[in-house]
Amino acid sequence: MFLTTDANNATFPTVVFESTPLIFFPPELAYQISVATYIHMGCLAVILWDFINNLKGDFDLLFLQKFKFPTAIYFITRITLLAYMLCRAVLLTLPVANCAKMYDAINALLVVFVSATTAMFYLRVCAVYNKSKIIIVVYGILWFSVVGMLLTIPFTFTAVHIATTQYCVESIRGHLLGPTTIILMVNDTMVYVAIAYAVLSMFVAKDAPCGTKLTTLLTFGKPLPIFSRALLKDNQLYFMVVIVSNLFIVVCVYVSVAPISVMFIVCHLVLVSVLSCRVYRNMHMANLSDVVVAPFPVVSPTRVSVRTSYSDDSLDDSKEVKKKSSLVDARKKAQAHRVQ
């Protein structure tokens, strides 16, 4: 209970319910905070659904296949994001003794998640280019730049108690969030360009017109063999959504103020997790409907082209065998008719 003083210096008791901490904020700000909380809880539901929906695929990756370093990174991304979402949900909805320390742990989970996700695609780029030294160095520098900017997150996000309650509210410090989101967008864009170029260069002639290459890219690689089309399609779907989402986050950070500027970051994180893990599972578990895909990471572009060429040749060979067998049957029938 608090004592409130009016204009005539008269005091009277006012009851403040700590179960409704948003009463300490102006109505507009309280509304924005509540919307941000609802968005987070909705994204948490999506992550939980994604975990449950892909339990079989995760089980197969963990126990039925050889456990490799990229697989470890895959599970790190899934576990850290789930832990991040759960811990942040607790912070936003329940009383917490020390908001700042809990948010330090939440920031650490966020740094690990984004670092692992970008590392997964860094390994993929290196594998597609057969571990080219130039690719390793250039994209390695880019990945370290991403990690370096991510280390500023603990200095950007924090949480404090709301007035005298035990509930927490997030706050933003400094001006490093904008550059961090820009670096992430640049990284995603360069990874997409590298993988798309590698796939197109395998099966599209170097002297082909630019229009042909652009058409192949925009039509999700329809002229390409099945495996390469699937590889290009998955990458396009992932990066198309992620880059647009990241661009939206950058605009929000520079145009709006908190909490509007950051309330959609959690949506971006969920999209990154769901789509990147889907790409990994499709590559590693052969979940594509039309072809058995080589395990991730792909050893080299040459191996991919040989594999798809072998599949196409085998189809042609089978047609030729059927044609020859039908001719033999026709000759036998003709000979039998002559004998009669």
C-alpha atoms as a PDB file:
ATOM      1  CA  MET A   1       0.000   0.000   0.000  1.00  0.00           C
ATOM      2  CA  PHE A   2       1.277   3.470  -0.940  1.00  0.00           C
ATOM      3  CA  LEU A   3       0.283   6.899   0.386  1.00  0.00           C
ATOM      4  CA  THR A   4      -0.657   9.292  -2.422  1.00  0.00           C
ATOM      5  CA  THR A   5      -0.667  13.054  -1.889  1.00  0.00           C
ATOM      6  CA  ASP A   6      -3.127  15.270  -3.747  1.00  0.00           C
ATOM      7  CA  ALA A   7      -2.910  19.008  -4.539  1.00  0.00           C
ATOM      8  CA  ASN A   8      -4.139  19.970  -1.056  1.00  0.00           C
ATOM      9  CA  ASN A   9      -1.400  17.912   0.648  1.00  0.00           C
ATOM     10  CA  ALA A  10      -4.021  15.427   1.806  1.00  0.00           C
ATOM     11  CA  THR A  11      -2.871  11.841   1.924  1.00  0.00           C
ATOM     12  CA  PHE A  12      -4.890   8.732   1.219  1.00  0.00           C
ATOM     13  CA  PRO A  13      -3.949   5.082   0.710  1.00  0.00           C
ATOM     14  CA  THR A  14      -3.684   3.632  -2.772  1.00  0.00           C
ATOM     15  CA  VAL A  15      -3.461  -0.122  -3.251  1.00  0.00           C
ATOM     16  CA  VAL A  16      -1.020  -1.246  -5.915  1.00  0.00           C
ATOM     17  CA  PHE A  17      -1.389  -4.812  -7.085  1.00  0.00           C
ATOM     18  CA  GLU A  18       2.040  -6.273  -7.786  1.00  0.00           C
ATOM     19  CA  SER A  19       0.413  -8.913  -9.951  1.00  0.00           C
ATOM     20  CA  THR A  20      -0.283  -6.185 -12.524  1.00  0.00           C
ATOM     21  CA  PRO A  21       3.103  -4.445 -12.878  1.00  0.00           C
ATOM     22  CA  LEU A  22       2.152  -2.710 -16.134  1.00  0.00           C
ATOM     23  CA  ILE A  23       0.191  -0.125 -14.124  1.00  0.00           C
ATOM     24  CA  PHE A  24       3.531   1.592 -13.464  1.00  0.00           C
ATOM     25  CA  PHE A  25       3.880   2.455 -17.176  1.00  0.00           C
ATOM     26  CA  PRO A  26       2.005   4.924 -19.369  1.00  0.00           C
ATOM     27  CA  PRO A  27      -0.911   3.244 -21.194  1.00  0.00           C
ATOM     28  CA  GLU A  28       0.763   3.279 -24.616  1.00  0.00           C
ATOM     29  CA  LEU A  29       4.019   1.795 -23.331  1.00  0.00           C
ATOM     30  CA  ALA A  30       2.147  -0.792 -21.262  1.00  0.00           C
ATOM     31  CA  TYR A  31       0.245  -1.844 -24.383  1.00  0.00           C
ATOM     32  CA  GLN A  32       3.465  -2.234 -26.388  1.00  0.00           C
ATOM     33  CA  ILE A  33       5.079  -4.326 -23.645  1.00  0.00           C
ATOM     34  CA  SER A  34       2.045  -6.595 -23.459  1.00  0.00           C
ATOM     35  CA  VAL A  35       2.043  -7.048 -27.255  1.00  0.00           C
ATOM     36  CA  ALA A  36       5.757  -7.921 -27.173  1.00  0.00           C
ATOM     37  CA  THR A  37       5.021 -10.525 -24.486  1.00  0.00           C
ATOM     38  CA  TYR A  38       2.208 -12.056 -26.555  1.00  0.00           C
ATOM     39  CA  ILE A  39       4.483 -12.230 -29.594  1.00  0.00           C
ATOM     40  CA  HIS A  40       7.139 -14.034 -27.587  1.00  0.00           C
ATOM     41  CA  MET A  41       4.672 -16.575 -26.218  1.00  0.00           C
ATOM     42  CA  GLY A  42       3.361 -17.239 -29.721  1.00  0.00           C
ATOM     43  CA  CYS A  43       6.904 -17.801 -31.002  1.00  0.00           C
ATOM     44  CA  LEU A  44       7.572 -20.131 -28.079  1.00  0.00           C
ATOM     45  CA  ALA A  45       4.554 -22.192 -29.150  1.00  0.00           C
ATOM     46  CA  VAL A  46       5.989 -22.400 -32.690  1.00  0.00           C
ATOM     47  CA  ILE A  47       9.356 -23.632 -31.400  1.00  0.00           C
ATOM     48  CA  LEU A  48       7.714 -26.259 -29.195  1.00  0.00           C
ATOM     49  CA  TRP A  49       5.628 -27.439 -32.144  1.00  0.00           C
ATOM     50  CA  ASP A  50       8.739 -27.626 -34.334  1.00  0.00           C
ATOM     51  CA  PHE A  51      10.514 -29.747 -31.724  1.00  0.00           C
ATOM     52  CA  ILE A  52       7.599 -32.154 -31.379  1.00  0.00           C
ATOM     53  CA  ASN A  53       6.981 -32.331 -35.123  1.00  0.00           C
ATOM     54  CA  ASN A  54      10.618 -33.241 -35.874  1.00  0.00           C
ATOM     55  CA  LEU A  55      11.328 -35.625 -33.005  1.00  0.00           C
ATOM     56  CA  LYS A  56      11.724 -38.567 -35.378  1.00  0.00           C
ATOM     57  CA  GLY A  57      14.178 -36.724 -37.604  1.00  0.00           C
ATOM     58  CA  ASP A  58      16.210 -35.578 -34.610  1.00  0.00           C
ATOM     59  CA  PHE A  59      16.225 -39.122 -33.203  1.00  0.00           C
ATOM     60  CA  ASP A  60      17.495 -40.515 -36.505  1.00  0.00           C
ATOM     61  CA  LEU A  61      20.209 -37.865 -36.673  1.00  0.00           C
ATOM     62  CA  LEU A  62      21.311 -38.615 -33.134  1.00  0.00           C
ATOM     63  CA  PHE A  63      21.227 -42.412 -33.049  1.00  0.00           C
ATOM     64  CA  LEU A  64      20.908 -43.861 -36.557  1.00  0.00           C
ATOM     65  CA  GLN A  65      23.623 -41.877 -38.319  1.00  0.00           C
ATOM     66  CA  LYS A  66      27.261 -41.220 -37.664  1.00  0.00           C
ATOM     67  CA  PHE A  67      27.481 -38.293 -35.258  1.00  0.00           C
ATOM     68  CA  LYS A  68      29.607 -35.555 -36.826  1.00  0.00           C
ATOM     69  CA  PHE A  69      30.597 -32.014 -35.948  1.00  0.00           C
ATOM     70  CA  PRO A  70      27.875 -30.369 -38.101  1.00  0.00           C
ATOM     71  CA  THR A  71      25.304 -32.557 -36.347  1.00  0.00           C
ATOM     72  CA  ALA A  72      26.556 -31.312 -32.982  1.00  0.00           C
ATOM     73  CA  ILE A  73      26.143 -27.724 -34.170  1.00  0.00           C
ATOM     74  CA  TYR A  74      22.632 -28.569 -35.366  1.00  0.00           C
ATOM     75  CA  PHE A  75      21.579 -29.773 -31.913  1.00  0.00           C
ATOM     76  CA  ILE A  76      23.293 -26.824 -30.228  1.00  0.00           C
ATOM     77  CA  THR A  77      21.179 -24.419 -32.276  1.00  0.00           C
ATOM     78  CA  ARG A  78      17.963 -26.216 -31.409  1.00  0.00           C
ATOM     79  CA  ILE A  79      18.669 -26.603 -27.692  1.00  0.00           C
ATOM     80  CA  THR A  80      19.995 -23.089 -27.119  1.00  0.00           C
ATOM     81  CA  LEU A  81      17.061 -21.405 -28.856  1.00  0.00           C
ATOM     82  CA  LEU A  82      14.543 -23.483 -26.898  1.00  0.00           C
ATOM     83  CA  ALA A  83      16.334 -22.605 -23.659  1.00  0.00           C
ATOM     84  CA  TYR A  84      16.437 -18.939 -24.684  1.00  0.00           C
ATOM     85  CA  MET A  85      12.716 -18.881 -25.431  1.00  0.00           C
ATOM     86  CA  LEU A  86      11.780 -20.610 -22.170  1.00  0.00           C
ATOM     87  CA  CYS A  87      14.026 -18.428 -19.990  1.00  0.00           C
ATOM     88  CA  ARG A  88      12.810 -15.218 -21.616  1.00  0.00           C
ATOM     89  CA  ALA A  89       9.199 -16.347 -21.185  1.00  0.00           C
ATOM     90  CA  VAL A  90       9.860 -16.793 -17.463  1.00  0.00           C
ATOM     91  CA  LEU A  91      11.490 -13.364 -17.254  1.00  0.00           C
ATOM     92  CA  LEU A  92       8.565 -11.657 -18.987  1.00  0.00           C
ATOM     93  CA  THR A  93       5.784 -13.308 -17.007  1.00  0.00           C
ATOM     94  CA  LEU A  94       6.992 -14.408 -13.561  1.00  0.00           C
ATOM     95  CA  PRO A  95       8.659 -12.706 -10.578  1.00  0.00           C
ATOM     96  CA  VAL A  96      12.462 -12.930 -10.683  1.00  0.00           C
ATOM     97  CA  ALA A  97      14.840 -12.171  -7.827  1.00  0.00           C
ATOM     98  CA  ASN A  98      17.657 -10.770  -9.983  1.00  0.00           C
ATOM     99  CA  CYS A  99      16.596  -9.573 -13.427  1.00  0.00           C
ATOM    100  CA  ALA A 100      20.064  -8.498 -14.590  1.00  0.00           C
ATOM    101  CA  LYS A 101      21.766 -11.824 -13.834  1.00  0.00           C
ATOM    102  CA  MET A 102      19.010 -13.834 -15.448  1.00  0.00           C
ATOM    103  CA  TYR A 103      19.191 -11.685 -18.558  1.00  0.00           C
ATOM    104  CA  ASP A 104      22.950 -12.246 -18.711  1.00  0.00           C
ATOM    105  CA  ALA A 105      22.211 -15.961 -19.027  1.00  0.00           C
ATOM    106  CA  ILE A 106      19.568 -15.253 -21.678  1.00  0.00           C
ATOM    107  CA  ASN A 107      22.066 -13.134 -23.638  1.00  0.00           C
ATOM    108  CA  ALA A 108      24.623 -15.943 -23.477  1.00  0.00           C
ATOM    109  CA  LEU A 109      22.103 -18.393 -24.946  1.00  0.00           C
ATOM    110  CA  LEU A 110      21.325 -15.936 -27.735  1.00  0.00           C
ATOM    111  CA  VAL A 111      25.007 -15.473 -28.594  1.00  0.00           C
ATOM    112  CA  VAL A 112      25.580 -19.241 -28.737  1.00  0.00           C
ATOM    113  CA  PHE A 113      22.479 -19.823 -30.880  1.00  0.00           C
ATOM    114  CA  VAL A 114      23.289 -17.229 -33.550  1.00  0.00           C
ATOM    115  CA  SER A 115      26.985 -18.184 -33.592  1.00  0.00           C
ATOM    116  CA  ALA A 116      26.128 -21.867 -34.078  1.00  0.00           C
ATOM    117  CA  THR A 117      23.575 -21.159 -36.809  1.00  0.00           C
ATOM    118  CA  THR A 118      25.979 -19.011 -38.817  1.00  0.00           C
ATOM    119  CA  ALA A 119      28.744 -21.588 -38.263  1.00  0.00           C
ATOM    120  CA  MET A 120      26.510 -24.304 -39.707  1.00  0.00           C
ATOM    121  CA  PHE A 121      26.149 -22.392 -42.956  1.00  0.00           C
ATOM    122  CA  TYR A 122      29.818 -21.428 -42.951  1.00  0.00           C
ATOM    123  CA  LEU A 123      30.695 -25.141 -42.933  1.00  0.00           C
ATOM    124  CA  ARG A 124      28.203 -25.718 -45.716  1.00  0.00           C
ATOM    125  CA  VAL A 125      29.747 -23.045 -47.943  1.00  0.00           C
ATOM    126  CA  CYS A 126      33.211 -24.498 -47.354  1.00  0.00           C
ATOM    127  CA  ALA A 127      31.928 -27.985 -48.221  1.00  0.00           C
ATOM    128  CA  VAL A 128      30.173 -26.892 -51.417  1.00  0.00           C
ATOM    129  CA  TYR A 129      33.408 -25.251 -52.612  1.00  0.00           C
ATOM    130  CA  ASN A 130      35.430 -28.332 -51.652  1.00  0.00           C
ATOM    131  CA  LYS A 131      37.188 -26.496 -48.806  1.00  0.00           C
ATOM    132  CA  SER A 132      38.673 -23.838 -51.052  1.00  0.00           C
ATOM    133  CA  LYS A 133      41.242 -21.781 -49.151  1.00  0.00           C
ATOM    134  CA  ILE A 134      39.826 -18.507 -50.453  1.00  0.00           C
ATOM    135  CA  ILE A 135      36.320 -19.436 -49.324  1.00  0.00           C
ATOM    136  CA  ILE A 136      37.587 -20.616 -45.937  1.00  0.00           C
ATOM    137  CA  VAL A 137      39.476 -17.358 -45.339  1.00  0.00           C
ATOM    138  CA  VAL A 138      36.869 -14.907 -46.688  1.00  0.00           C
ATOM    139  CA  TYR A 139      33.862 -16.488 -45.050  1.00  0.00           C
ATOM    140  CA  GLY A 140      35.868 -17.289 -41.942  1.00  0.00           C
ATOM    141  CA  ILE A 141      36.622 -13.586 -41.507  1.00  0.00           C
ATOM    142  CA  LEU A 142      32.943 -12.838 -42.070  1.00  0.00           C
ATOM    143  CA  TRP A 143      31.910 -15.417 -39.455  1.00  0.00           C
ATOM    144  CA  PHE A 144      34.352 -14.026 -36.893  1.00  0.00           C
ATOM    145  CA  SER A 145      32.941 -10.561 -37.597  1.00  0.00           C
ATOM    146  CA  VAL A 146      29.475 -11.898 -36.812  1.00  0.00           C
ATOM    147  CA  VAL A 147      30.678 -13.482 -33.571  1.00  0.00           C
ATOM    148  CA  GLY A 148      32.497 -10.289 -32.614  1.00  0.00           C
ATOM    149  CA  MET A 149      29.334  -8.226 -33.026  1.00  0.00           C
ATOM    150  CA  LEU A 150      27.318 -10.843 -31.151  1.00  0.00           C
ATOM    151  CA  LEU A 151      29.607 -10.412 -28.149  1.00  0.00           C
ATOM    152  CA  THR A 152      28.199  -6.892 -27.797  1.00  0.00           C
ATOM    153  CA  ILE A 153      24.716  -8.261 -27.080  1.00  0.00           C
ATOM    154  CA  PRO A 154      25.291  -8.522 -23.283  1.00  0.00           C
ATOM    155  CA  PHE A 155      26.123  -4.807 -23.342  1.00  0.00           C
ATOM    156  CA  THR A 156      22.995  -4.030 -25.378  1.00  0.00           C
ATOM    157  CA  PHE A 157      20.188  -5.943 -23.670  1.00  0.00           C
ATOM    158  CA  THR A 158      19.481  -6.043 -19.951  1.00  0.00           C
ATOM    159  CA  ALA A 159      16.502  -6.183 -17.592  1.00  0.00           C
ATOM    160  CA  VAL A 160      15.495  -4.316 -14.431  1.00  0.00           C
ATOM    161  CA  HIS A 161      12.751  -4.634 -11.866  1.00  0.00           C
ATOM    162  CA  ILE A 162       9.504  -2.763 -12.462  1.00  0.00           C
ATOM    163  CA  ALA A 163       9.267  -0.220  -9.633  1.00  0.00           C
ATOM    164  CA  THR A 164       8.961  -2.071  -6.313  1.00  0.00           C
ATOM    165  CA  THR A 165       7.742  -5.349  -7.840  1.00  0.00           C
ATOM    166  CA  GLN A 166       9.702  -8.517  -8.549  1.00  0.00           C
ATOM    167  CA  TYR A 167       8.677  -8.473 -12.207  1.00  0.00           C
ATOM    168  CA  CYS A 168      11.179  -7.537 -14.906  1.00  0.00           C
ATOM    169  CA  VAL A 169      11.164  -5.305 -17.941  1.00  0.00           C
ATOM    170  CA  GLU A 170      13.747  -5.326 -20.725  1.00  0.00           C
ATOM    171  CA  SER A 171      15.836  -2.305 -21.614  1.00  0.00           C
ATOM    172  CA  ILE A 172      18.332  -1.455 -24.354  1.00  0.00           C
ATOM    173  CA  ARG A 173      21.670   0.268 -23.834  1.00  0.00           C
ATOM    174  CA  GLY A 174      23.972   1.872 -26.384  1.00  0.00           C
ATOM    175  CA  HIS A 175      23.724   1.916 -30.166  1.00  0.00           C
ATOM    176  CA  LEU A 176      25.318  -1.400 -31.157  1.00  0.00           C
ATOM    177  CA  LEU A 177      22.139  -3.297 -32.016  1.00  0.00           C
ATOM    178  CA  GLY A 178      21.865  -1.701 -35.467  1.00  0.00           C
ATOM    179  CA  PRO A 179      25.392  -2.628 -36.642  1.00  0.00           C
ATOM    180  CA  THR A 180      24.914  -6.160 -35.298  1.00  0.00           C
ATOM    181  CA  THR A 181      21.769  -6.727 -37.350  1.00  0.00           C
ATOM    182  CA  ILE A 182      23.460  -5.289 -40.449  1.00  0.00           C
ATOM    183  CA  ILE A 183      26.435  -7.660 -40.115  1.00  0.00           C
ATOM    184  CA  LEU A 184      24.059 -10.614 -39.792  1.00  0.00           C
ATOM    185  CA  MET A 185      22.176  -9.567 -42.924  1.00  0.00           C
ATOM    186  CA  VAL A 186      25.415  -9.182 -44.893  1.00  0.00           C
ATOM    187  CA  ASN A 187      26.532 -12.648 -43.773  1.00  0.00           C
ATOM    188  CA  ASP A 188      23.263 -14.298 -44.809  1.00  0.00           C
ATOM    189  CA  THR A 189      23.328 -12.556 -48.181  1.00  0.00           C
ATOM    190  CA  MET A 190      26.909 -13.560 -48.977  1.00  0.00           C
ATOM    191  CA  VAL A 191      26.299 -17.177 -47.973  1.00  0.00           C
ATOM    192  CA  TYR A 192      23.263 -17.363 -50.243  1.00  0.00           C
ATOM    193  CA  VAL A 193      25.127 -15.813 -53.179  1.00  0.00           C
ATOM    194  CA  ALA A 194      28.025 -18.251 -52.744  1.00  0.00           C
ATOM    195  CA  ILE A 195      25.868 -21.387 -52.627  1.00  0.00           C
ATOM    196  CA  ALA A 196      23.588 -20.258 -55.458  1.00  0.00           C
ATOM    197  CA  TYR A 197      26.594 -19.456 -57.654  1.00  0.00           C
ATOM    198  CA  ALA A 198      28.201 -22.830 -56.917  1.00  0.00           C
ATOM    199  CA  VAL A 199      25.070 -24.778 -57.833  1.00  0.00           C
ATOM    200  CA  LEU A 200      24.449 -22.790 -61.007  1.00  0.00           C
ATOM    201  CA  SER A 201      28.065 -23.065 -62.146  1.00  0.00           C
ATOM    202  CA  MET A 202      27.861 -26.874 -61.949  1.00  0.00           C
ATOM    203  CA  PHE A 203      25.094 -27.290 -64.494  1.00  0.00           C
ATOM    204  CA  VAL A 204      24.756 -24.007 -66.373  1.00  0.00           C
ATOM    205  CA  ALA A 205      27.361 -23.372 -69.056  1.00  0.00           C
ATOM    206  CA  LYS A 206      29.796 -20.583 -68.302  1.00  0.00           C
ATOM    207  CA  ASP A 207      29.107 -18.948 -71.670  1.00  0.00           C
ATOM    208  CA  ALA A 208      25.331 -19.141 -71.168  1.00  0.00           C
ATOM    209  CA  PRO A 209      23.496 -15.811 -71.431  1.00  0.00           C
ATOM    210  CA  CYS A 210      22.914 -13.916 -68.212  1.00  0.00           C
ATOM    211  CA  GLY A 211      19.188 -14.218 -68.863  1.00  0.00           C
ATOM    212  CA  THR A 212      19.414 -18.010 -68.734  1.00  0.00           C
ATOM    213  CA  LYS A 213      21.292 -17.934 -65.449  1.00  0.00           C
ATOM    214  CA  LEU A 214      18.858 -15.435 -63.956  1.00  0.00           C
ATOM    215  CA  THR A 215      15.861 -17.494 -65.111  1.00  0.00           C
ATOM    216  CA  THR A 216      17.335 -20.625 -63.555  1.00  0.00           C
ATOM    217  CA  LEU A 217      17.862 -18.778 -60.296  1.00  0.00           C
ATOM    218  CA  LEU A 218      14.411 -17.174 -60.156  1.00  0.00           C
ATOM    219  CA  THR A 219      12.552 -20.374 -61.118  1.00  0.00           C
ATOM    220  CA  PHE A 220      14.187 -22.301 -58.252  1.00  0.00           C
ATOM    221  CA  GLY A 221      16.495 -24.131 -60.660  1.00  0.00           C
ATOM    222  CA  LYS A 222      13.861 -25.942 -62.752  1.00  0.00           C
ATOM    223  CA  PRO A 223      16.300 -26.761 -65.609  1.00  0.00           C
ATOM    224  CA  LEU A 224      18.728 -28.330 -63.123  1.00  0.00           C
ATOM    225  CA  PRO A 225      18.923 -31.998 -62.065  1.00  0.00           C
ATOM    226  CA  ILE A 226      16.757 -33.028 -59.126  1.00  0.00           C
ATOM    227  CA  PHE A 227      19.454 -32.960 -56.442  1.00  0.00           C
ATOM    228  CA  SER A 228      20.828 -29.575 -57.439  1.00  0.00           C
ATOM    229  CA  ARG A 229      17.337 -28.141 -57.821  1.00  0.00           C
ATOM    230  CA  ALA A 230      16.526 -29.286 -54.287  1.00  0.00           C
ATOM    231  CA  LEU A 231      19.770 -27.816 -52.964  1.00  0.00           C
ATOM    232  CA  LEU A 232      19.113 -24.479 -54.657  1.00  0.00           C
ATOM    233  CA  LYS A 233      15.424 -24.430 -53.705  1.00  0.00           C
ATOM    234  CA  ASP A 234      16.095 -25.021 -50.006  1.00  0.00           C
ATOM    235  CA  ASN A 235      18.706 -22.284 -49.961  1.00  0.00           C
ATOM    236  CA  GLN A 236      16.449 -19.841 -51.789  1.00  0.00           C
ATOM    237  CA  LEU A 237      13.511 -20.456 -49.470  1.00  0.00           C
ATOM    238  CA  TYR A 238      15.710 -20.067 -46.401  1.00  0.00           C
ATOM    239  CA  PHE A 239      17.611 -16.971 -47.432  1.00  0.00           C
ATOM    240  CA  MET A 240      14.644 -15.301 -49.114  1.00  0.00           C
ATOM    241  CA  VAL A 241      12.691 -15.376 -45.852  1.00  0.00           C
ATOM    242  CA  VAL A 242      15.650 -14.730 -43.560  1.00  0.00           C
ATOM    243  CA  ILE A 243      17.103 -11.813 -45.527  1.00  0.00           C
ATOM    244  CA  VAL A 244      13.715 -10.095 -45.832  1.00  0.00           C
ATOM    245  CA  SER A 245      13.090 -10.673 -42.127  1.00  0.00           C
ATOM    246  CA  ASN A 246      16.540  -9.359 -41.241  1.00  0.00           C
ATOM    247  CA  LEU A 247      16.011  -6.276 -43.387  1.00  0.00           C
ATOM    248  CA  PHE A 248      12.739  -5.631 -41.568  1.00  0.00           C
ATOM    249  CA  ILE A 249      14.561  -5.883 -38.216  1.00  0.00           C
ATOM    250  CA  VAL A 250      17.226  -3.405 -39.367  1.00  0.00           C
ATOM    251  CA  VAL A 251      14.552  -0.909 -40.418  1.00  0.00           C
ATOM    252  CA  CYS A 252      12.708  -1.311 -37.108  1.00  0.00           C
ATOM    253  CA  VAL A 253      15.890  -0.793 -35.092  1.00  0.00           C
ATOM    254  CA  TYR A 254      16.759   2.458 -36.856  1.00  0.00           C
ATOM    255  CA  VAL A 255      13.243   3.850 -37.297  1.00  0.00           C
ATOM    256  CA  SER A 256      11.371   2.854 -34.132  1.00  0.00           C
ATOM    257  CA  VAL A 257      12.102   2.926 -30.425  1.00  0.00           C
ATOM    258  CA  ALA A 258      11.915   0.123 -27.885  1.00  0.00           C
ATOM    259  CA  PRO A 259       9.976  -2.048 -27.400  1.00  0.00           C
ATOM    260  CA  ILE A 260       8.649  -1.751 -30.973  1.00  0.00           C
ATOM    261  CA  SER A 261      12.179  -1.773 -32.407  1.00  0.00           C
ATOM    262  CA  VAL A 262      13.024  -5.143 -30.847  1.00  0.00           C
ATOM    263  CA  MET A 263       9.729  -6.983 -30.360  1.00  0.00           C
ATOM    264  CA  PHE A 264      10.025  -8.739 -33.736  1.00  0.00           C
ATOM    265  CA  ILE A 265      13.592  -9.978 -33.203  1.00  0.00           C
ATOM    266  CA  VAL A 266      12.255 -13.122 -31.565  1.00  0.00           C
ATOM    267  CA  CYS A 267      10.156 -13.822 -34.694  1.00  0.00           C
ATOM    268  CA  HIS A 268      13.307 -13.575 -36.802  1.00  0.00           C
ATOM    269  CA  LEU A 269      15.155 -15.973 -34.501  1.00  0.00           C
ATOM    270  CA  VAL A 270      12.372 -18.541 -34.756  1.00  0.00           C
ATOM    271  CA  LEU A 271      12.316 -18.297 -38.561  1.00  0.00           C
ATOM    272  CA  VAL A 272      16.088 -18.754 -38.695  1.00  0.00           C
ATOM    273  CA  SER A 273      15.940 -21.809 -36.445  1.00  0.00           C
ATOM    274  CA  VAL A 274      13.020 -23.543 -38.141  1.00  0.00           C
ATOM    275  CA  LEU A 275      14.246 -22.986 -41.701  1.00  0.00           C
ATOM    276  CA  SER A 276      17.965 -23.599 -41.129  1.00  0.00           C
ATOM    277  CA  CYS A 277      17.295 -26.840 -39.258  1.00  0.00           C
ATOM    278  CA  ARG A 278      14.907 -27.905 -41.997  1.00  0.00           C
ATOM    279  CA  VAL A 279      17.612 -27.313 -44.619  1.00  0.00           C
ATOM    280  CA  TYR A 280      20.064 -29.387 -42.584  1.00  0.00           C
ATOM    281  CA  ARG A 281      17.625 -32.262 -42.096  1.00  0.00           C
ATOM    282  CA  ASN A 282      16.737 -32.330 -45.795  1.00  0.00           C
ATOM    283  CA  MET A 283      20.395 -32.510 -46.744  1.00  0.00           C
ATOM    284  CA  HIS A 284      21.392 -35.048 -44.112  1.00  0.00           C
ATOM    285  CA  MET A 285      18.376 -37.322 -43.770  1.00  0.00           C
ATOM    286  CA  ALA A 286      17.368 -37.576 -47.442  1.00  0.00           C
ATOM    287  CA  ASN A 287      13.906 -36.196 -46.756  1.00  0.00           C
ATOM    288  CA  LEU A 288      13.534 -34.919 -50.306  1.00  0.00           C
ATOM    289  CA  SER A 289      10.734 -36.755 -52.030  1.00  0.00           C
ATOM    290  CA  ASP A 290      12.350 -37.305 -55.420  1.00  0.00           C
ATOM    291  CA  VAL A 291      15.957 -38.232 -54.694  1.00  0.00           C
ATOM    292  CA  VAL A 292      18.234 -39.743 -52.093  1.00  0.00           C
ATOM    293  CA  VAL A 293      20.463 -36.874 -51.023  1.00  0.00           C
ATOM    294  CA  ALA A 294      24.112 -37.193 -50.080  1.00  0.00           C
ATOM    295  CA  PRO A 295      24.855 -36.644 -46.360  1.00  0.00           C
ATOM    296  CA  PHE A 296      25.702 -33.115 -45.219  1.00  0.00           C
ATOM    297  CA  PRO A 297      28.196 -31.669 -45.774  1.00  0.00           C
ATOM    298  CA  VAL A 298      28.587 -32.308 -49.493  1.00  0.00           C
ATOM    299  CA  VAL A 299      32.182 -33.277 -50.171  1.00  0.00           C
ATOM    300  CA  SER A 300      32.590 -31.408 -53.427  1.00  0.00           C
ATOM    301  CA  PRO A 301      30.662 -29.972 -56.357  1.00  0.00           C
ATOM    302  CA  THR A 302      32.174 -32.667 -58.597  1.00  0.00           C
ATOM    303  CA  ARG A 303      30.722 -35.382 -56.435  1.00  0.00           C
ATOM    304  CA  VAL A 304      27.307 -33.797 -56.620  1.00  0.00           C
ATOM    305  CA  SER A 305      27.374 -33.578 -60.388  1.00  0.00           C
ATOM    306  CA  VAL A 306      28.604 -37.161 -60.741  1.00  0.00           C
ATOM    307  CA  ARG A 307      25.884 -38.368 -58.413  1.00  0.00           C
ATOM    308  CA  THR A 308      23.099 -36.635 -60.291  1.00  0.00           C
ATOM    309  CA  SER A 309      24.549 -37.643 -63.650  1.00  0.00           C
ATOM    310  CA  TYR A 310      24.636 -41.235 -62.490  1.00  0.00           C
ATOM    311  CA  SER A 311      20.972 -41.036 -61.509  1.00  0.00           C
ATOM    312  CA  ASP A 312      19.975 -39.576 -64.873  1.00  0.00           C
ATOM    313  CA  ASP A 313      22.068 -42.117 -66.796  1.00  0.00           C
ATOM    314  CA  SER A 314      20.567 -44.976 -64.845  1.00  0.00           C
ATOM    315  CA  LEU A 315      17.089 -43.850 -65.885  1.00  0.00           C
ATOM    316  CA  ASP A 316      18.149 -43.703 -69.537  1.00  0.00           C
ATOM    317  CA  ASP A 317      19.782 -47.137 -69.271  1.00  0.00           C
ATOM    318  CA  SER A 318      16.652 -48.673 -67.801  1.00  0.00           C
ATOM    319  CA  LYS A 319      14.570 -47.280 -70.678  1.00  0.00           C
ATOM    320  CA  GLU A 320      17.050 -48.721 -73.185  1.00  0.00           C
ATOM    321  CA  VAL A 321      16.920 -52.163 -71.525  1.00  0.00           C
ATOM    322  CA  LYS A 322      13.117 -52.167 -71.638  1.00  0.00           C
ATOM    323  CA  LYS A 323      13.213 -51.207 -75.310  1.00  0.00           C
ATOM    324  CA  LYS A 324      15.638 -54.029 -76.184  1.00  0.00           C
ATOM    325  CA  SER A 325      13.666 -56.597 -74.198  1.00  0.00           C
ATOM    326  CA  SER A 326      10.470 -55.648 -76.031  1.00  0.00           C
ATOM    327  CA  LEU A 327      12.254 -56.121 -79.386  1.00  0.00           C
ATOM    328  CA  VAL A 328      13.487 -59.577 -78.326  1.00  0.00           C
ATOM    329  CA  ASP A 329       9.963 -60.581 -77.304  1.00  0.00           C
ATOM    330  CA  ALA A 330       8.610 -59.415 -80.659  1.00  0.00           C
ATOM    331  CA  ARG A 331      11.210 -61.473 -82.555  1.00  0.00           C
ATOM    332  CA  LYS A 332      10.382 -64.587 -80.521  1.00  0.00           C
ATOM    333  CA  LYS A 333       6.685 -64.184 -81.258  1.00  0.00           C
ATOM    334  CA  ALA A 334       7.423 -63.768 -84.977  1.00  0.00           C
ATOM    335  CA  GLN A 335       9.562 -66.936 -85.054  1.00  0.00           C
ATOM    336  CA  ALA A 336       6.876 -68.917 -83.236  1.00  0.00           C
ATOM    337  CA  HIS A 337       4.271 -67.712 -85.740  1.00  0.00           C
ATOM    338  CA  ARG A 338       6.444 -68.851 -88.685  1.00  0.00           C
ATOM    339  CA  VAL A 339       6.921 -72.309 -87.165  1.00  0.00           C
ATOM    340  CA  GLN A 340       3.159 -72.711 -86.840  1.00  0.00           C
END
